[in-house]
Amino acid sequence: MKVVRIVHTTQENKSKIIKEFSRFAREYNRHNVIQSEVAKQLVQYLRAKKYPVIIDIGCGSGEIYKNIQKNHIFFDHFVALDLSQEMLQMHPSGAAVKKICRDFNATEASTSFDTQEEALLISSSALQWSQDLDFTFSWLSGKTKKAYFAIFTSSTFETLHQVAKIHSPIYTEDQLKQSINKYYNAMYETHAYKLHFESTYEMLNYIKKSGVSGGEKKLTYKQVKNLIKEYPLNYLEFEVLFVEATSCRFV
């Protein structure tokens, strides 16, 4: 595996960090390389070592929870919310862990747990699938004062979308910031990732099995054939917006 970091600082104090991963690095899960790395990076932003409550929105199988444990960050209670019961079954359990099967896009999710100003709200690789950004950030901002997000942007699979002549199903970086800024005072950092493959076939198989397409409409046979022929890279591109946010409602 090779990891390359390139940092560019802008007037917004935003850095662009590029990481490159070999598709075949043994120490990474076969189909969750990027999501695992994103969760790991997001937890590294946490400033405190103890929280009364941590709420993980779109928790999946528990990458945030596992990295919190690895980083010796403590909590009294951990709330794990995900729309998939199968994912929640894989999420670590414990006396301090409460699992909630809810879609964060649904109104019912906002009533699934109490408002706690001192709690920490965190979400990794999930909020790009918000059906309504204003609705999502509105109710999230009313639950806790502090929040950390990692959200894939529309620059993910950018070259693939260009070659296939399709639009990204997720939001641009600017769209995400515009909505977040309505409800939070936030600091941003953008990370770009490259995941290398031996062939375009391997790349397409990864997209199919990894879940990173998030239910995106399947490519047609003609589009797949054209990708195999025309795709110019030996890697997939990913872009993630990392956010450290303080809710305006608690200021």
Protein backbone atom coordinates (compact mmCIF):
# COMPACT_ATOMS: atom_id res chain seq x y z
CA MET A 1 0.00 0.00 0.00
CA LYS A 2 1.17 3.51 -0.71
CA VAL A 3 -0.16 6.60 1.00
CA VAL A 4 0.56 10.04 -0.42
CA ARG A 5 -0.38 13.24 1.39
CA ILE A 6 -0.44 16.61 -0.36
CA VAL A 7 -1.65 19.61 1.60
CA HIS A 8 -2.77 22.89 0.04
CA THR A 9 -3.88 25.72 2.31
CA THR A 10 -6.41 28.27 1.08
CA GLN A 11 -7.77 31.53 2.47
CA GLU A 12 -10.59 29.52 4.01
CA ASN A 13 -8.03 27.55 6.04
CA LYS A 14 -9.17 24.50 4.12
CA SER A 15 -6.62 21.85 3.25
CA LYS A 16 -6.74 19.43 0.38
CA ILE A 17 -5.29 16.12 1.48
CA ILE A 18 -4.85 13.40 -1.11
CA LYS A 19 -4.47 9.76 -0.09
CA GLU A 20 -3.84 6.91 -2.46
CA PHE A 21 -4.64 3.28 -1.68
CA SER A 22 -3.86 0.06 -3.44
CA ARG A 23 -7.04 -1.92 -4.01
CA PHE A 24 -5.21 -5.02 -2.81
CA ALA A 25 -3.75 -3.82 0.50
CA ARG A 26 -4.33 -6.82 2.79
CA GLU A 27 -4.98 -4.88 5.96
CA TYR A 28 -8.10 -3.20 4.54
CA ASN A 29 -11.56 -4.68 4.20
CA ARG A 30 -12.17 -5.71 0.60
CA HIS A 31 -15.06 -3.40 -0.12
CA ASN A 32 -14.92 -0.68 2.55
CA VAL A 33 -11.45 0.77 2.15
CA ILE A 34 -12.48 4.39 1.77
CA GLN A 35 -15.37 4.36 4.27
CA SER A 36 -13.07 2.85 6.90
CA GLU A 37 -10.40 5.47 6.26
CA VAL A 38 -12.98 8.27 6.43
CA ALA A 39 -14.30 7.08 9.80
CA LYS A 40 -10.76 6.79 11.13
CA GLN A 41 -9.94 10.33 10.01
CA LEU A 42 -13.17 11.80 11.36
CA VAL A 43 -12.58 10.42 14.85
CA GLN A 44 -9.13 12.00 14.85
CA TYR A 45 -10.81 15.42 14.74
CA LEU A 46 -12.53 14.92 18.10
CA ARG A 47 -11.11 17.32 20.65
CA ALA A 48 -12.34 15.79 23.92
CA LYS A 49 -11.51 12.41 25.42
CA LYS A 50 -14.83 12.00 27.25
CA TYR A 51 -18.43 12.69 26.23
CA PRO A 52 -21.60 11.98 28.20
CA VAL A 53 -23.35 10.80 25.02
CA ILE A 54 -22.14 10.10 21.49
CA ILE A 55 -24.78 9.86 18.75
CA ASP A 56 -23.72 8.24 15.47
CA ILE A 57 -26.05 8.99 12.55
CA GLY A 58 -25.86 6.37 9.79
CA CYS A 59 -23.63 4.23 11.99
CA GLY A 60 -23.41 1.22 9.67
CA SER A 61 -21.54 -1.71 11.16
CA GLY A 62 -19.69 0.49 13.67
CA GLU A 63 -16.57 2.03 12.15
CA ILE A 64 -16.99 5.18 14.24
CA TYR A 65 -17.54 3.16 17.41
CA LYS A 66 -14.48 1.00 16.76
CA ASN A 67 -12.24 4.01 16.10
CA ILE A 68 -13.53 5.80 19.20
CA GLN A 69 -12.50 2.77 21.21
CA LYS A 70 -9.09 2.58 19.50
CA ASN A 71 -8.47 6.26 20.28
CA HIS A 72 -9.41 5.76 23.95
CA ILE A 73 -12.31 8.20 23.79
CA PHE A 74 -14.81 7.50 26.55
CA PHE A 75 -18.56 7.95 26.85
CA ASP A 76 -21.40 7.12 29.22
CA HIS A 77 -23.86 6.29 26.45
CA PHE A 78 -23.56 5.60 22.73
CA VAL A 79 -26.54 5.92 20.36
CA ALA A 80 -26.17 4.08 17.04
CA LEU A 81 -28.78 5.02 14.43
CA ASP A 82 -29.05 3.37 11.03
CA LEU A 83 -31.85 2.45 8.62
CA SER A 84 -30.48 -1.08 8.13
CA GLN A 85 -31.29 -3.69 10.77
CA GLU A 86 -28.61 -5.93 9.27
CA MET A 87 -25.97 -3.23 9.80
CA LEU A 88 -27.12 -2.66 13.37
CA GLN A 89 -26.78 -6.37 14.08
CA MET A 90 -23.10 -6.13 13.05
CA HIS A 91 -22.54 -3.00 15.12
CA PRO A 92 -20.80 -3.70 18.46
CA SER A 93 -23.21 -4.09 21.37
CA GLY A 94 -22.88 -3.33 25.04
CA ALA A 95 -24.67 -2.04 28.11
CA ALA A 96 -23.86 1.55 27.10
CA VAL A 97 -24.92 1.10 23.44
CA LYS A 98 -28.44 1.88 22.26
CA LYS A 99 -29.26 0.86 18.70
CA ILE A 100 -32.04 2.63 16.80
CA CYS A 101 -33.31 1.45 13.41
CA ARG A 102 -34.42 4.66 11.69
CA ASP A 103 -33.89 6.50 8.42
CA PHE A 104 -32.40 9.91 9.21
CA ASN A 105 -34.49 11.27 6.33
CA ALA A 106 -37.69 10.40 8.21
CA THR A 107 -39.37 12.70 10.72
CA GLU A 108 -39.45 9.81 13.22
CA ALA A 109 -35.65 9.88 13.45
CA SER A 110 -35.70 13.32 15.07
CA THR A 111 -37.77 11.99 17.96
CA SER A 112 -35.68 8.84 18.48
CA PHE A 113 -33.43 10.41 21.12
CA ASP A 114 -33.51 13.43 23.40
CA THR A 115 -31.89 16.80 22.87
CA GLN A 116 -28.68 16.98 24.91
CA GLU A 117 -26.53 20.07 24.51
CA GLU A 118 -23.36 18.43 25.85
CA ALA A 119 -23.70 15.29 23.73
CA LEU A 120 -21.59 14.76 20.62
CA LEU A 121 -23.27 14.11 17.27
CA ILE A 122 -21.17 12.44 14.59
CA SER A 123 -21.85 11.05 11.13
CA SER A 124 -19.49 9.42 8.64
CA SER A 125 -20.21 8.57 4.99
CA ALA A 126 -23.97 8.85 5.33
CA LEU A 127 -25.36 12.37 5.00
CA GLN A 128 -24.61 12.62 1.27
CA TRP A 129 -27.81 10.55 0.92
CA SER A 130 -29.95 13.18 2.60
CA GLN A 131 -33.13 13.65 0.60
CA ASP A 132 -33.43 17.23 1.90
CA LEU A 133 -30.30 18.87 3.29
CA ASP A 134 -32.17 21.66 5.09
CA PHE A 135 -34.47 19.17 6.80
CA THR A 136 -31.54 16.99 7.83
CA PHE A 137 -29.30 19.69 9.23
CA SER A 138 -32.22 21.51 10.80
CA TRP A 139 -33.20 18.62 13.04
CA LEU A 140 -29.63 17.49 13.69
CA SER A 141 -28.62 20.99 14.80
CA GLY A 142 -31.41 20.96 17.38
CA LYS A 143 -30.13 17.82 19.11
CA THR A 144 -26.58 18.67 20.23
CA LYS A 145 -24.29 21.67 20.36
CA LYS A 146 -21.25 19.97 18.83
CA ALA A 147 -21.16 17.87 15.67
CA TYR A 148 -18.61 16.31 13.34
CA PHE A 149 -19.51 15.19 9.82
CA ALA A 150 -17.74 13.42 6.96
CA ILE A 151 -19.78 13.69 3.76
CA PHE A 152 -18.91 12.49 0.26
CA THR A 153 -19.25 15.20 -2.39
CA SER A 154 -20.24 15.07 -6.06
CA SER A 155 -16.56 15.00 -7.05
CA THR A 156 -16.59 11.35 -6.00
CA PHE A 157 -16.38 9.25 -9.20
CA GLU A 158 -15.98 12.50 -11.13
CA THR A 159 -14.14 11.04 -14.14
CA LEU A 160 -16.43 8.00 -14.24
CA HIS A 161 -19.47 10.27 -14.39
CA GLN A 162 -17.89 12.34 -17.14
CA VAL A 163 -17.07 9.30 -19.28
CA ALA A 164 -20.50 7.73 -18.69
CA LYS A 165 -22.16 11.11 -19.33
CA ILE A 166 -24.23 11.01 -16.15
CA HIS A 167 -24.66 13.40 -13.24
CA SER A 168 -23.58 12.63 -9.70
CA PRO A 169 -26.54 11.63 -7.48
CA ILE A 170 -25.03 13.44 -4.48
CA TYR A 171 -24.44 17.07 -3.51
CA THR A 172 -21.62 19.39 -4.46
CA GLU A 173 -19.28 20.76 -1.82
CA ASP A 174 -20.88 24.20 -2.18
CA GLN A 175 -24.39 22.83 -1.74
CA LEU A 176 -23.36 21.04 1.45
CA LYS A 177 -21.69 24.14 2.87
CA GLN A 178 -24.64 26.40 2.02
CA SER A 179 -27.01 24.17 3.96
CA ILE A 180 -24.68 23.51 6.90
CA ASN A 181 -23.97 27.23 7.29
CA LYS A 182 -27.67 27.90 7.87
CA TYR A 183 -27.63 25.87 11.07
CA TYR A 184 -24.02 25.67 12.23
CA ASN A 185 -20.87 27.70 12.65
CA ALA A 186 -18.51 25.34 10.86
CA MET A 187 -14.92 24.69 9.84
CA TYR A 188 -14.23 22.61 6.75
CA GLU A 189 -11.52 20.43 5.32
CA THR A 190 -11.67 18.52 2.06
CA HIS A 191 -9.91 15.19 1.58
CA ALA A 192 -9.46 13.54 -1.80
CA TYR A 193 -8.82 9.80 -2.09
CA LYS A 194 -7.65 7.61 -4.94
CA LEU A 195 -8.35 3.89 -4.91
CA HIS A 196 -6.26 2.00 -7.47
CA PHE A 197 -7.35 -1.09 -9.41
CA GLU A 198 -5.68 -3.59 -11.70
CA SER A 199 -8.42 -3.23 -14.30
CA THR A 200 -11.64 -1.39 -15.09
CA TYR A 201 -13.49 -4.68 -14.50
CA GLU A 202 -12.17 -4.74 -10.92
CA MET A 203 -13.18 -1.12 -10.50
CA LEU A 204 -16.74 -1.73 -11.66
CA ASN A 205 -17.01 -4.77 -9.41
CA TYR A 206 -15.88 -2.67 -6.47
CA ILE A 207 -18.57 -0.06 -7.18
CA LYS A 208 -21.20 -2.79 -7.32
CA LYS A 209 -20.20 -4.45 -4.03
CA SER A 210 -18.91 -1.61 -1.87
CA GLY A 211 -22.11 0.36 -1.38
CA VAL A 212 -20.40 3.64 -2.25
CA SER A 213 -22.89 4.18 -5.06
CA GLY A 214 -25.60 4.32 -2.41
CA GLY A 215 -28.38 2.98 -4.58
CA GLU A 216 -27.40 5.07 -7.58
CA LYS A 217 -29.18 4.05 -10.78
CA LYS A 218 -27.29 1.23 -12.45
CA LEU A 219 -25.32 1.94 -15.58
CA THR A 220 -26.71 0.64 -18.83
CA TYR A 221 -24.88 -2.05 -20.78
CA LYS A 222 -23.81 0.59 -23.30
CA GLN A 223 -22.44 2.84 -20.53
CA VAL A 224 -20.50 -0.03 -18.95
CA LYS A 225 -19.06 -1.04 -22.32
CA ASN A 226 -18.00 2.56 -22.97
CA LEU A 227 -16.41 2.84 -19.51
CA ILE A 228 -14.35 -0.29 -20.06
CA LYS A 229 -13.14 1.11 -23.36
CA GLU A 230 -12.74 4.81 -22.52
CA TYR A 231 -12.06 5.18 -18.78
CA PRO A 232 -8.62 6.86 -18.70
CA LEU A 233 -7.53 6.16 -15.11
CA ASN A 234 -6.46 3.12 -13.09
CA TYR A 235 -8.17 4.47 -9.97
CA LEU A 236 -11.45 5.82 -8.68
CA GLU A 237 -11.67 9.32 -7.23
CA PHE A 238 -13.40 10.15 -3.96
CA GLU A 239 -13.86 13.49 -2.26
CA VAL A 240 -15.02 13.92 1.33
CA LEU A 241 -15.96 17.12 3.15
CA PHE A 242 -14.96 16.97 6.83
CA VAL A 243 -16.90 19.33 9.06
CA GLU A 244 -16.42 20.48 12.64
CA ALA A 245 -19.66 22.26 13.55
CA THR A 246 -21.22 24.16 16.45
CA SER A 247 -24.99 24.51 16.33
CA CYS A 248 -26.31 28.06 16.11
CA ARG A 249 -29.22 27.03 18.32
CA PHE A 250 -26.98 26.65 21.37
CA VAL A 251 -24.91 29.81 20.92
